[in-house]
């Protein structure tokens, strides 16, 4: 009997954003396959890859992929490896009714390396204003703003600095699509 293949999603932080750490998705797919990952598929250029592996520890996979990217492409990128259950839990925890309010607001989920401390969360919550709404649940930071406030009207806050942790954000629409793709893997 062949070993069980577990399904995973890898979220890459800051690749193909603003011309930094540019990696073609076809090259990323090949690299992941060369690391022993199977059924690899990518979704949009910002670094989302679905795959299967016999490895059962997501942290081991994060380290493997980060080293693989560093060795092949010479980029130090943080990788977040999630299970379908973790992604669905994050989506279900969204307090901003993203599906119903899609026409009027933009909503994002930022996956974090660790749960921020209470003082860091308070500092973040103090930054809420008319244009931003925030919520932190464990290692996921949710933020939403009205579509009318998108672009230069909105303050540009450094969420990672405020929270004291590294993260990678995805829009609600991307998270929703990743769940659909994950279920089909």
N, C-alpha and C. Protein backbone atom coordinates (compact mmCIF):
# COMPACT_ATOMS: atom_id res chain seq x y z
N UNK A 1 0.85 -1.18 0.00
CA UNK A 1 0.00 0.00 0.00
C UNK A 1 0.90 1.24 0.00
N UNK A 2 0.67 2.18 -0.95
CA UNK A 2 1.51 3.38 -1.00
C UNK A 2 1.23 4.29 0.20
N UNK A 3 2.23 5.11 0.58
CA UNK A 3 2.03 6.01 1.71
C UNK A 3 0.92 7.03 1.41
N UNK A 4 0.29 7.49 2.46
CA UNK A 4 -0.78 8.49 2.33
C UNK A 4 -0.20 9.80 1.84
N UNK A 5 -0.88 10.40 0.88
CA UNK A 5 -0.48 11.72 0.37
C UNK A 5 -1.42 12.74 0.99
N UNK A 6 -0.83 13.67 1.72
CA UNK A 6 -1.58 14.75 2.35
C UNK A 6 -1.67 15.95 1.42
N UNK A 7 -2.79 16.65 1.46
CA UNK A 7 -2.99 17.83 0.61
C UNK A 7 -2.58 19.09 1.37
N UNK A 8 -1.89 19.99 0.67
CA UNK A 8 -1.42 21.23 1.28
C UNK A 8 -1.54 22.40 0.32
N UNK A 9 -1.53 23.58 0.93
CA UNK A 9 -1.46 24.84 0.21
C UNK A 9 -0.22 25.57 0.72
N UNK A 10 0.61 26.04 -0.19
CA UNK A 10 1.76 26.88 0.19
C UNK A 10 1.46 28.31 -0.25
N UNK A 11 1.53 29.23 0.69
CA UNK A 11 1.39 30.66 0.41
C UNK A 11 2.78 31.27 0.52
N UNK A 12 3.24 31.88 -0.56
CA UNK A 12 4.56 32.49 -0.60
C UNK A 12 4.43 33.98 -0.30
N UNK A 13 5.25 34.46 0.61
CA UNK A 13 5.22 35.87 0.98
C UNK A 13 6.09 36.67 0.02
N UNK A 14 5.50 37.68 -0.57
CA UNK A 14 6.21 38.72 -1.33
C UNK A 14 6.98 38.20 -2.55
N UNK A 15 6.40 37.25 -3.28
CA UNK A 15 7.00 36.95 -4.58
C UNK A 15 6.11 37.56 -5.65
N UNK A 16 6.75 38.06 -6.69
CA UNK A 16 6.06 38.68 -7.83
C UNK A 16 5.18 39.86 -7.41
N UNK A 17 5.61 40.57 -6.36
CA UNK A 17 4.89 41.77 -5.91
C UNK A 17 5.83 42.96 -6.07
N UNK A 18 5.42 43.93 -6.85
CA UNK A 18 6.24 45.13 -7.04
C UNK A 18 7.58 44.83 -7.70
N UNK A 19 7.64 43.77 -8.51
CA UNK A 19 8.88 43.44 -9.20
C UNK A 19 9.92 42.76 -8.34
N UNK A 20 9.55 42.40 -7.12
CA UNK A 20 10.49 41.74 -6.20
C UNK A 20 10.33 40.23 -6.26
N UNK A 21 11.45 39.53 -6.08
CA UNK A 21 11.47 38.07 -6.03
C UNK A 21 10.60 37.47 -7.14
N UNK A 22 10.92 37.83 -8.37
CA UNK A 22 10.13 37.39 -9.51
C UNK A 22 10.43 35.92 -9.82
N UNK A 23 9.38 35.11 -9.78
CA UNK A 23 9.48 33.69 -10.10
C UNK A 23 8.28 33.34 -10.98
N UNK A 24 8.54 32.83 -12.17
CA UNK A 24 7.44 32.39 -13.03
C UNK A 24 6.77 31.18 -12.38
N UNK A 25 5.47 31.13 -12.48
CA UNK A 25 4.73 30.04 -11.84
C UNK A 25 5.12 28.68 -12.43
N UNK A 26 5.44 28.61 -13.71
CA UNK A 26 5.88 27.34 -14.29
C UNK A 26 7.20 26.89 -13.65
N UNK A 27 8.10 27.85 -13.39
CA UNK A 27 9.37 27.53 -12.74
C UNK A 27 9.15 27.13 -11.28
N UNK A 28 8.24 27.79 -10.61
CA UNK A 28 7.92 27.45 -9.23
C UNK A 28 7.36 26.03 -9.17
N UNK A 29 6.46 25.72 -10.08
CA UNK A 29 5.86 24.37 -10.13
C UNK A 29 6.95 23.31 -10.32
N UNK A 30 7.86 23.55 -11.26
CA UNK A 30 8.95 22.60 -11.50
C UNK A 30 9.83 22.45 -10.26
N UNK A 31 10.10 23.56 -9.59
CA UNK A 31 10.95 23.49 -8.40
C UNK A 31 10.28 22.68 -7.30
N UNK A 32 9.01 22.91 -7.09
CA UNK A 32 8.29 22.17 -6.05
C UNK A 32 8.26 20.67 -6.38
N UNK A 33 8.06 20.34 -7.64
CA UNK A 33 8.08 18.94 -8.04
C UNK A 33 9.46 18.33 -7.81
N UNK A 34 10.52 19.10 -8.06
CA UNK A 34 11.88 18.59 -7.86
C UNK A 34 12.18 18.33 -6.38
N UNK A 35 11.39 18.94 -5.49
CA UNK A 35 11.54 18.73 -4.05
C UNK A 35 10.75 17.51 -3.57
N UNK A 36 10.10 16.80 -4.49
CA UNK A 36 9.36 15.60 -4.13
C UNK A 36 7.88 15.83 -3.89
N UNK A 37 7.40 17.04 -4.16
CA UNK A 37 5.98 17.33 -3.99
C UNK A 37 5.25 16.88 -5.26
N UNK A 38 4.01 16.44 -5.12
CA UNK A 38 3.26 15.89 -6.25
C UNK A 38 1.96 16.68 -6.46
N UNK A 39 1.35 16.44 -7.62
CA UNK A 39 0.07 17.08 -7.97
C UNK A 39 0.14 18.59 -7.78
N UNK A 40 1.27 19.19 -8.15
CA UNK A 40 1.50 20.62 -7.93
C UNK A 40 0.72 21.44 -8.94
N UNK A 41 0.01 22.44 -8.44
CA UNK A 41 -0.63 23.43 -9.31
C UNK A 41 -0.48 24.79 -8.64
N UNK A 42 -0.44 25.82 -9.45
CA UNK A 42 -0.31 27.18 -8.91
C UNK A 42 -1.55 27.98 -9.27
N UNK A 43 -1.78 29.03 -8.50
CA UNK A 43 -2.91 29.92 -8.76
C UNK A 43 -2.44 31.36 -8.66
N UNK A 44 -2.61 32.09 -9.68
CA UNK A 44 -2.19 33.47 -9.90
C UNK A 44 -0.71 33.70 -9.53
N UNK A 45 -0.19 34.82 -9.97
CA UNK A 45 1.24 35.09 -9.90
C UNK A 45 1.78 35.44 -8.52
N UNK A 46 0.92 35.65 -7.53
CA UNK A 46 1.40 36.11 -6.23
C UNK A 46 1.85 34.99 -5.31
N UNK A 47 1.97 33.78 -5.82
CA UNK A 47 2.58 32.72 -5.05
C UNK A 47 1.64 31.88 -4.21
N UNK A 48 0.82 31.11 -4.87
CA UNK A 48 -0.08 30.16 -4.22
C UNK A 48 0.12 28.83 -4.92
N UNK A 49 0.46 27.80 -4.18
CA UNK A 49 0.69 26.49 -4.79
C UNK A 49 -0.01 25.41 -3.98
N UNK A 50 -0.75 24.58 -4.67
CA UNK A 50 -1.40 23.42 -4.07
C UNK A 50 -0.57 22.20 -4.43
N UNK A 51 -0.47 21.25 -3.50
CA UNK A 51 0.32 20.06 -3.77
C UNK A 51 -0.04 18.96 -2.78
N UNK A 52 0.49 17.77 -3.06
CA UNK A 52 0.36 16.66 -2.12
C UNK A 52 1.77 16.22 -1.72
N UNK A 53 1.84 15.61 -0.54
CA UNK A 53 3.11 15.14 -0.02
C UNK A 53 2.85 14.02 0.98
N UNK A 54 3.81 13.12 1.12
CA UNK A 54 3.72 12.09 2.15
C UNK A 54 4.12 12.66 3.51
N UNK A 55 4.74 13.84 3.52
CA UNK A 55 5.13 14.49 4.78
C UNK A 55 3.87 14.92 5.53
N UNK A 56 3.86 14.67 6.83
CA UNK A 56 2.68 15.02 7.63
C UNK A 56 2.87 16.31 8.44
N UNK A 57 4.06 16.87 8.44
CA UNK A 57 4.34 18.06 9.24
C UNK A 57 4.47 19.29 8.35
N UNK A 58 3.50 20.23 8.40
CA UNK A 58 3.59 21.44 7.57
C UNK A 58 4.85 22.27 7.82
N UNK A 59 5.35 22.30 9.04
CA UNK A 59 6.57 23.07 9.34
C UNK A 59 7.78 22.48 8.61
N UNK A 60 7.84 21.17 8.52
CA UNK A 60 8.92 20.52 7.77
C UNK A 60 8.83 20.91 6.29
N UNK A 61 7.62 20.95 5.76
CA UNK A 61 7.43 21.34 4.36
C UNK A 61 7.79 22.81 4.15
N UNK A 62 7.44 23.68 5.09
CA UNK A 62 7.81 25.09 4.98
C UNK A 62 9.33 25.23 4.84
N UNK A 63 10.06 24.55 5.73
CA UNK A 63 11.52 24.62 5.70
C UNK A 63 12.07 24.06 4.39
N UNK A 64 11.54 22.94 3.93
CA UNK A 64 11.97 22.33 2.68
C UNK A 64 11.77 23.29 1.50
N UNK A 65 10.59 23.87 1.42
CA UNK A 65 10.27 24.76 0.29
C UNK A 65 11.10 26.04 0.37
N UNK A 66 11.23 26.63 1.55
CA UNK A 66 12.03 27.86 1.69
C UNK A 66 13.47 27.62 1.24
N UNK A 67 14.05 26.49 1.67
CA UNK A 67 15.42 26.15 1.27
C UNK A 67 15.48 25.90 -0.23
N UNK A 68 14.49 25.21 -0.76
CA UNK A 68 14.45 24.94 -2.20
C UNK A 68 14.38 26.21 -3.03
N UNK A 69 13.61 27.19 -2.58
CA UNK A 69 13.50 28.47 -3.29
C UNK A 69 14.82 29.23 -3.18
N UNK A 70 15.39 29.24 -1.98
CA UNK A 70 16.67 29.93 -1.76
C UNK A 70 17.76 29.32 -2.64
N UNK A 71 17.85 28.00 -2.66
CA UNK A 71 18.90 27.33 -3.43
C UNK A 71 18.75 27.54 -4.94
N UNK A 72 17.53 27.49 -5.43
CA UNK A 72 17.29 27.58 -6.88
C UNK A 72 17.21 29.02 -7.39
N UNK A 73 16.46 29.87 -6.67
CA UNK A 73 16.19 31.22 -7.17
C UNK A 73 16.95 32.32 -6.44
N UNK A 74 17.64 31.95 -5.34
CA UNK A 74 18.44 32.90 -4.55
C UNK A 74 17.58 33.96 -3.85
N UNK A 75 16.34 33.59 -3.50
CA UNK A 75 15.44 34.48 -2.76
C UNK A 75 15.15 33.88 -1.40
N UNK A 76 15.20 34.73 -0.38
CA UNK A 76 14.74 34.32 0.95
C UNK A 76 13.28 34.71 1.07
N UNK A 77 12.40 33.75 0.97
CA UNK A 77 10.97 34.03 1.09
C UNK A 77 10.38 33.18 2.20
N UNK A 78 9.45 33.74 2.91
CA UNK A 78 8.72 33.00 3.93
C UNK A 78 7.58 32.25 3.24
N UNK A 79 7.42 30.99 3.61
CA UNK A 79 6.36 30.16 3.05
C UNK A 79 5.47 29.70 4.19
N UNK A 80 4.17 29.79 3.97
CA UNK A 80 3.17 29.33 4.93
C UNK A 80 2.49 28.11 4.32
N UNK A 81 2.60 26.97 4.97
CA UNK A 81 1.97 25.74 4.47
C UNK A 81 0.75 25.46 5.34
N UNK A 82 -0.40 25.34 4.67
CA UNK A 82 -1.68 25.13 5.38
C UNK A 82 -2.36 23.87 4.88
N UNK A 83 -3.15 23.28 5.75
CA UNK A 83 -4.05 22.20 5.35
C UNK A 83 -5.38 22.81 4.93
N UNK A 84 -6.21 22.02 4.27
CA UNK A 84 -7.53 22.50 3.88
C UNK A 84 -8.33 22.90 5.12
N UNK A 85 -8.23 22.10 6.18
CA UNK A 85 -8.96 22.42 7.42
C UNK A 85 -8.53 23.78 7.98
N UNK A 86 -7.24 24.07 7.95
CA UNK A 86 -6.75 25.36 8.46
C UNK A 86 -7.25 26.51 7.60
N UNK A 87 -7.24 26.33 6.28
CA UNK A 87 -7.71 27.38 5.38
C UNK A 87 -9.21 27.61 5.57
N UNK A 88 -9.98 26.53 5.67
CA UNK A 88 -11.42 26.67 5.88
C UNK A 88 -11.73 27.32 7.23
N UNK A 89 -10.97 26.98 8.26
CA UNK A 89 -11.18 27.59 9.57
C UNK A 89 -10.91 29.09 9.51
N UNK A 90 -9.84 29.46 8.81
CA UNK A 90 -9.53 30.89 8.66
C UNK A 90 -10.66 31.60 7.92
N UNK A 91 -11.15 30.99 6.86
CA UNK A 91 -12.23 31.60 6.08
C UNK A 91 -13.51 31.70 6.91
N UNK A 92 -13.81 30.65 7.66
CA UNK A 92 -15.03 30.65 8.48
C UNK A 92 -14.95 31.68 9.60
N UNK A 93 -13.74 32.01 10.03
CA UNK A 93 -13.55 32.98 11.11
C UNK A 93 -13.62 34.42 10.67
N UNK A 94 -13.81 34.65 9.38
CA UNK A 94 -13.85 36.02 8.87
C UNK A 94 -15.05 36.76 9.45
N UNK A 95 -14.80 37.82 10.22
CA UNK A 95 -15.90 38.54 10.87
C UNK A 95 -16.58 39.59 9.99
N UNK A 96 -16.11 39.75 8.75
CA UNK A 96 -16.57 40.88 7.95
C UNK A 96 -17.58 40.53 6.86
N UNK A 97 -18.21 39.38 6.96
CA UNK A 97 -19.28 38.99 6.04
C UNK A 97 -18.88 39.26 4.60
N UNK A 98 -17.72 38.74 4.24
CA UNK A 98 -17.10 39.06 2.95
C UNK A 98 -17.95 38.65 1.75
N UNK A 99 -18.62 37.51 1.82
CA UNK A 99 -19.44 37.07 0.68
C UNK A 99 -20.59 38.04 0.41
N UNK A 100 -21.30 38.37 1.46
CA UNK A 100 -22.49 39.22 1.30
C UNK A 100 -22.13 40.65 0.94
N UNK A 101 -21.00 41.14 1.45
CA UNK A 101 -20.64 42.55 1.29
C UNK A 101 -19.59 42.78 0.21
N UNK A 102 -19.39 41.82 -0.69
CA UNK A 102 -18.35 41.90 -1.72
C UNK A 102 -18.45 43.17 -2.56
N UNK A 103 -19.65 43.62 -2.85
CA UNK A 103 -19.84 44.81 -3.69
C UNK A 103 -19.35 46.08 -3.03
N UNK A 104 -19.41 46.15 -1.71
CA UNK A 104 -19.10 47.41 -1.01
C UNK A 104 -17.76 47.44 -0.29
N UNK A 105 -17.15 46.28 -0.04
CA UNK A 105 -15.90 46.28 0.72
C UNK A 105 -14.88 45.33 0.12
N UNK A 106 -13.64 45.57 0.46
CA UNK A 106 -12.56 44.64 0.16
C UNK A 106 -12.11 44.05 1.48
N UNK A 107 -11.92 42.75 1.48
CA UNK A 107 -11.54 42.05 2.71
C UNK A 107 -10.32 41.19 2.44
N UNK A 108 -9.39 41.18 3.41
CA UNK A 108 -8.16 40.42 3.27
C UNK A 108 -7.92 39.58 4.52
N UNK A 109 -7.26 38.46 4.33
CA UNK A 109 -6.80 37.63 5.44
C UNK A 109 -5.28 37.60 5.37
N UNK A 110 -4.63 37.91 6.49
CA UNK A 110 -3.18 37.82 6.56
C UNK A 110 -2.83 36.66 7.47
N UNK A 111 -2.13 35.68 6.92
CA UNK A 111 -1.69 34.52 7.68
C UNK A 111 -0.37 34.89 8.35
N UNK A 112 -0.28 34.65 9.65
CA UNK A 112 0.84 35.11 10.46
C UNK A 112 1.72 33.96 10.93
N UNK A 113 2.99 34.26 11.18
CA UNK A 113 3.92 33.24 11.68
C UNK A 113 3.62 32.86 13.12
N UNK A 114 3.01 33.75 13.88
CA UNK A 114 2.70 33.50 15.29
C UNK A 114 1.53 34.39 15.70
N UNK A 115 0.90 34.04 16.78
CA UNK A 115 -0.16 34.89 17.31
C UNK A 115 0.48 36.12 17.95
N UNK A 116 0.05 37.32 17.56
CA UNK A 116 0.60 38.53 18.15
C UNK A 116 0.25 38.63 19.64
N UNK A 117 1.06 39.38 20.37
CA UNK A 117 0.80 39.58 21.79
C UNK A 117 -0.39 40.51 21.98
N UNK A 118 -0.98 40.48 23.17
CA UNK A 118 -2.12 41.34 23.48
C UNK A 118 -1.76 42.82 23.30
N UNK A 119 -0.59 43.30 23.77
CA UNK A 119 -0.25 44.71 23.55
C UNK A 119 -0.12 45.06 22.06
N UNK A 120 0.40 44.14 21.26
CA UNK A 120 0.52 44.40 19.82
C UNK A 120 -0.86 44.47 19.17
N UNK A 121 -1.75 43.58 19.60
CA UNK A 121 -3.11 43.62 19.05
C UNK A 121 -3.80 44.92 19.45
N UNK A 122 -3.60 45.37 20.68
CA UNK A 122 -4.19 46.63 21.12
C UNK A 122 -3.67 47.79 20.28
N UNK A 123 -2.36 47.81 20.02
CA UNK A 123 -1.78 48.87 19.18
C UNK A 123 -2.42 48.86 17.80
N UNK A 124 -2.62 47.67 17.25
CA UNK A 124 -3.28 47.56 15.96
C UNK A 124 -4.71 48.07 16.03
N UNK A 125 -5.45 47.62 17.03
CA UNK A 125 -6.86 48.01 17.14
C UNK A 125 -7.00 49.53 17.32
N UNK A 126 -6.02 50.16 17.94
CA UNK A 126 -6.02 51.61 18.09
C UNK A 126 -5.88 52.32 16.75
N UNK A 127 -5.42 51.60 15.72
CA UNK A 127 -5.25 52.19 14.38
C UNK A 127 -6.52 52.11 13.54
N UNK A 128 -7.54 51.41 14.06
CA UNK A 128 -8.79 51.34 13.30
C UNK A 128 -9.34 52.74 13.13
N UNK A 129 -9.91 52.95 12.00
CA UNK A 129 -10.54 54.24 11.74
C UNK A 129 -11.73 54.02 10.84
N UNK A 130 -12.22 55.09 10.30
CA UNK A 130 -13.37 54.97 9.42
C UNK A 130 -13.06 54.06 8.23
N UNK A 131 -11.79 54.11 7.75
CA UNK A 131 -11.47 53.34 6.55
C UNK A 131 -11.06 51.90 6.81
N UNK A 132 -10.68 51.55 8.03
CA UNK A 132 -10.24 50.18 8.31
C UNK A 132 -11.06 49.54 9.42
N UNK A 133 -11.27 48.21 9.26
CA UNK A 133 -11.82 47.39 10.33
C UNK A 133 -10.88 46.20 10.49
N UNK A 134 -10.56 45.84 11.75
CA UNK A 134 -9.59 44.79 12.02
C UNK A 134 -10.15 43.74 12.96
N UNK A 135 -9.57 42.54 12.86
CA UNK A 135 -9.81 41.48 13.83
C UNK A 135 -8.64 40.52 13.74
N UNK A 136 -8.13 40.10 14.89
CA UNK A 136 -7.08 39.09 14.94
C UNK A 136 -7.64 37.87 15.67
N UNK A 137 -7.53 36.72 15.02
CA UNK A 137 -7.94 35.45 15.64
C UNK A 137 -6.78 34.48 15.49
N UNK A 138 -6.14 34.18 16.61
CA UNK A 138 -5.00 33.28 16.63
C UNK A 138 -3.93 33.78 15.66
N UNK A 139 -3.62 33.02 14.61
CA UNK A 139 -2.56 33.41 13.67
C UNK A 139 -3.12 33.93 12.35
N UNK A 140 -4.32 34.51 12.40
CA UNK A 140 -4.91 35.12 11.20
C UNK A 140 -5.37 36.54 11.57
N UNK A 141 -4.97 37.48 10.73
CA UNK A 141 -5.37 38.88 10.88
C UNK A 141 -6.31 39.20 9.72
N UNK A 142 -7.49 39.67 10.05
CA UNK A 142 -8.51 40.03 9.07
C UNK A 142 -8.58 41.55 8.99
N UNK A 143 -8.62 42.08 7.79
CA UNK A 143 -8.86 43.51 7.66
C UNK A 143 -9.74 43.79 6.46
N UNK A 144 -10.58 44.78 6.62
CA UNK A 144 -11.53 45.14 5.58
C UNK A 144 -11.62 46.65 5.49
N UNK A 145 -11.98 47.11 4.32
CA UNK A 145 -12.19 48.54 4.11
C UNK A 145 -13.17 48.72 2.95
N UNK A 146 -13.84 49.84 2.96
CA UNK A 146 -14.81 50.12 1.91
C UNK A 146 -14.09 50.29 0.58
N UNK A 147 -14.72 49.83 -0.48
CA UNK A 147 -14.13 49.98 -1.81
C UNK A 147 -13.85 51.46 -2.13
N UNK A 148 -14.69 52.34 -1.60
CA UNK A 148 -14.49 53.77 -1.84
C UNK A 148 -13.18 54.28 -1.24
N UNK A 149 -12.64 53.55 -0.24
CA UNK A 149 -11.39 53.95 0.41
C UNK A 149 -10.18 53.23 -0.16
N UNK A 150 -10.35 52.43 -1.22
CA UNK A 150 -9.21 51.71 -1.82
C UNK A 150 -8.26 52.71 -2.46
N UNK A 151 -6.99 52.37 -2.50
CA UNK A 151 -6.00 53.23 -3.14
C UNK A 151 -5.46 54.29 -2.21
N UNK A 152 -5.10 55.45 -2.74
CA UNK A 152 -4.39 56.47 -1.95
C UNK A 152 -5.21 57.12 -0.83
N UNK A 153 -6.53 56.93 -0.82
CA UNK A 153 -7.35 57.51 0.24
C UNK A 153 -7.11 56.83 1.58
N UNK A 154 -6.65 55.60 1.52
CA UNK A 154 -6.50 54.77 2.72
C UNK A 154 -5.08 54.90 3.25
N UNK A 155 -4.96 54.96 4.58
CA UNK A 155 -3.62 54.97 5.20
C UNK A 155 -2.90 53.68 4.88
N UNK A 156 -1.61 53.78 4.65
CA UNK A 156 -0.79 52.61 4.39
C UNK A 156 -0.11 52.22 5.70
N UNK A 157 -0.66 51.23 6.37
CA UNK A 157 -0.12 50.78 7.66
C UNK A 157 0.77 49.57 7.46
N UNK A 158 1.86 49.50 8.22
CA UNK A 158 2.75 48.35 8.18
C UNK A 158 2.26 47.35 9.23
N UNK A 159 1.36 46.49 8.82
CA UNK A 159 0.73 45.55 9.76
C UNK A 159 1.74 44.63 10.43
N UNK A 160 2.72 44.17 9.68
CA UNK A 160 3.72 43.27 10.26
C UNK A 160 4.51 43.97 11.37
N UNK A 161 4.87 45.20 11.14
CA UNK A 161 5.61 45.96 12.17
C UNK A 161 4.74 46.17 13.41
N UNK A 162 3.50 46.55 13.19
CA UNK A 162 2.59 46.79 14.32
C UNK A 162 2.37 45.50 15.11
N UNK A 163 2.16 44.39 14.41
CA UNK A 163 1.87 43.11 15.07
C UNK A 163 3.12 42.37 15.54
N UNK A 164 4.29 42.76 15.05
CA UNK A 164 5.53 42.13 15.47
C UNK A 164 5.72 40.72 14.95
N UNK A 165 5.04 40.38 13.85
CA UNK A 165 5.17 39.06 13.24
C UNK A 165 5.16 39.22 11.72
N UNK A 166 5.65 38.20 11.04
CA UNK A 166 5.64 38.17 9.58
C UNK A 166 4.32 37.57 9.12
N UNK A 167 3.84 38.07 7.98
CA UNK A 167 2.60 37.53 7.45
C UNK A 167 2.53 37.64 5.94
N UNK A 168 1.57 36.98 5.37
CA UNK A 168 1.28 37.11 3.95
C UNK A 168 -0.23 37.22 3.78
N UNK A 169 -0.66 38.20 3.01
CA UNK A 169 -2.09 38.49 2.89
C UNK A 169 -2.64 38.00 1.56
N UNK A 170 -3.91 37.61 1.61
CA UNK A 170 -4.65 37.23 0.41
C UNK A 170 -6.03 37.87 0.51
N UNK A 171 -6.54 38.30 -0.63
CA UNK A 171 -7.89 38.86 -0.64
C UNK A 171 -8.90 37.74 -0.37
N UNK A 172 -10.08 38.17 0.04
CA UNK A 172 -11.15 37.19 0.29
C UNK A 172 -11.44 36.38 -0.96
N UNK A 173 -11.46 37.03 -2.12
CA UNK A 173 -11.75 36.32 -3.36
C UNK A 173 -10.71 35.25 -3.64
N UNK A 174 -9.44 35.53 -3.36
CA UNK A 174 -8.38 34.54 -3.57
C UNK A 174 -8.54 33.39 -2.59
N UNK A 175 -8.80 33.69 -1.33
CA UNK A 175 -8.98 32.64 -0.32
C UNK A 175 -10.15 31.74 -0.72
N UNK A 176 -11.23 32.33 -1.13
CA UNK A 176 -12.41 31.57 -1.54
C UNK A 176 -12.08 30.65 -2.73
N UNK A 177 -11.34 31.17 -3.70
CA UNK A 177 -10.96 30.37 -4.87
C UNK A 177 -9.98 29.26 -4.47
N UNK A 178 -9.04 29.55 -3.55
CA UNK A 178 -8.09 28.54 -3.11
C UNK A 178 -8.80 27.38 -2.42
N UNK A 179 -9.83 27.67 -1.66
CA UNK A 179 -10.61 26.59 -1.03
C UNK A 179 -11.24 25.71 -2.10
N UNK A 180 -11.81 26.33 -3.11
CA UNK A 180 -12.42 25.57 -4.22
C UNK A 180 -11.38 24.68 -4.91
N UNK A 181 -10.21 25.24 -5.22
CA UNK A 181 -9.16 24.48 -5.88
C UNK A 181 -8.62 23.36 -4.98
N UNK A 182 -8.50 23.68 -3.70
CA UNK A 182 -8.00 22.72 -2.70
C UNK A 182 -8.93 21.51 -2.64
N UNK A 183 -10.22 21.76 -2.62
CA UNK A 183 -11.20 20.67 -2.55
C UNK A 183 -11.14 19.77 -3.78
N UNK A 184 -10.73 20.33 -4.91
CA UNK A 184 -10.64 19.56 -6.16
C UNK A 184 -9.30 18.83 -6.32
N UNK A 185 -8.35 19.10 -5.42
CA UNK A 185 -7.00 18.51 -5.53
C UNK A 185 -7.03 17.02 -5.31
